[in-house]
């Protein structure tokens, strides 16, 4: 019984501390600008240099002309597989 109470108490204190941290971390305009800048992909990122095609027929025609394969990225659901 005491062990359950201790576990509940620790969980309750953790939730209270997390809630206070979330409330006290106010999102200011400067902080938003900083976070937005940090989360932007680098313009020199390698995937940005690939000439992606969103039209399958155009991609198929180009692949046939260049004798190259087509890479198709198709998915359904969450990108991490957590559906």
Protein backbone atom coordinates (compact mmCIF):
# COMPACT_ATOMS: atom_id res chain seq x y z
CA UNK A 1 0.00 0.00 0.00
CA UNK A 2 2.76 2.43 0.93
CA UNK A 3 4.64 1.55 -2.27
CA UNK A 4 1.60 2.43 -4.41
CA UNK A 5 1.19 5.71 -2.57
CA UNK A 6 4.85 6.55 -3.09
CA UNK A 7 4.61 5.79 -6.81
CA UNK A 8 1.49 7.91 -7.14
CA UNK A 9 3.12 10.76 -5.21
CA UNK A 10 6.23 10.72 -7.41
CA UNK A 11 4.07 10.72 -10.54
CA UNK A 12 1.94 13.59 -9.22
CA UNK A 13 4.98 15.71 -8.36
CA UNK A 14 6.47 15.02 -11.81
CA UNK A 15 3.27 16.14 -13.53
CA UNK A 16 3.11 19.32 -11.46
CA UNK A 17 6.74 20.19 -12.22
CA UNK A 18 6.24 19.55 -15.93
CA UNK A 19 3.09 21.68 -15.98
CA UNK A 20 4.86 24.56 -14.26
CA UNK A 21 7.73 24.38 -16.73
CA UNK A 22 5.32 24.43 -19.66
CA UNK A 23 3.42 27.42 -18.29
CA UNK A 24 6.54 29.40 -17.42
CA UNK A 25 8.12 28.86 -20.85
CA UNK A 26 6.24 31.62 -22.63
CA UNK A 27 6.73 31.79 -26.38
CA UNK A 28 7.84 35.29 -27.21
CA UNK A 29 8.23 36.71 -30.68
CA UNK A 30 12.02 36.58 -30.37
CA UNK A 31 11.95 32.96 -29.18
CA UNK A 32 9.62 32.00 -32.03
CA UNK A 33 11.95 33.61 -34.56
CA UNK A 34 14.93 31.80 -33.05
CA UNK A 35 13.17 28.41 -33.06
CA UNK A 36 11.89 28.94 -36.59
CA UNK A 37 15.41 29.74 -37.82
CA UNK A 38 16.85 26.67 -36.07
CA UNK A 39 14.25 24.31 -37.53
CA UNK A 40 14.71 25.35 -41.16
CA UNK A 41 16.52 22.89 -43.40
CA UNK A 42 19.87 24.01 -44.73
CA UNK A 43 19.66 25.22 -48.33
CA UNK A 44 22.70 23.09 -49.12
CA UNK A 45 20.95 19.92 -47.91
CA UNK A 46 21.60 17.16 -50.40
CA UNK A 47 17.94 16.18 -50.82
CA UNK A 48 17.16 19.70 -52.04
CA UNK A 49 19.53 19.26 -55.00
CA UNK A 50 17.56 16.32 -56.43
CA UNK A 51 15.17 17.30 -59.24
CA UNK A 52 12.07 15.67 -57.73
CA UNK A 53 9.05 14.95 -59.92
CA UNK A 54 5.56 14.86 -58.52
CA UNK A 55 3.98 13.72 -61.79
CA UNK A 56 4.49 9.99 -62.30
CA UNK A 57 3.95 10.14 -66.06
CA UNK A 58 6.57 12.87 -66.49
CA UNK A 59 8.99 10.95 -64.28
CA UNK A 60 8.38 7.78 -66.28
CA UNK A 61 9.04 9.57 -69.55
CA UNK A 62 12.27 11.14 -68.24
CA UNK A 63 13.44 7.82 -66.79
CA UNK A 64 12.84 6.12 -70.13
CA UNK A 65 14.76 8.81 -72.02
CA UNK A 66 17.71 8.63 -69.63
CA UNK A 67 17.54 4.83 -69.16
CA UNK A 68 17.30 5.28 -65.38
CA UNK A 69 15.06 3.77 -62.70
CA UNK A 70 12.27 5.60 -60.88
CA UNK A 71 12.35 5.98 -57.11
CA UNK A 72 8.80 6.10 -55.74
CA UNK A 73 8.17 7.19 -52.17
CA UNK A 74 4.68 6.11 -51.21
CA UNK A 75 3.27 5.87 -47.73
CA UNK A 76 0.05 5.70 -45.83
CA UNK A 77 -0.15 6.79 -42.24
CA UNK A 78 2.35 8.22 -39.82
CA UNK A 79 5.93 8.66 -41.15
CA UNK A 80 7.34 6.79 -38.14
CA UNK A 81 4.98 3.88 -38.61
CA UNK A 82 2.92 4.77 -35.55
CA UNK A 83 -0.53 4.33 -37.04
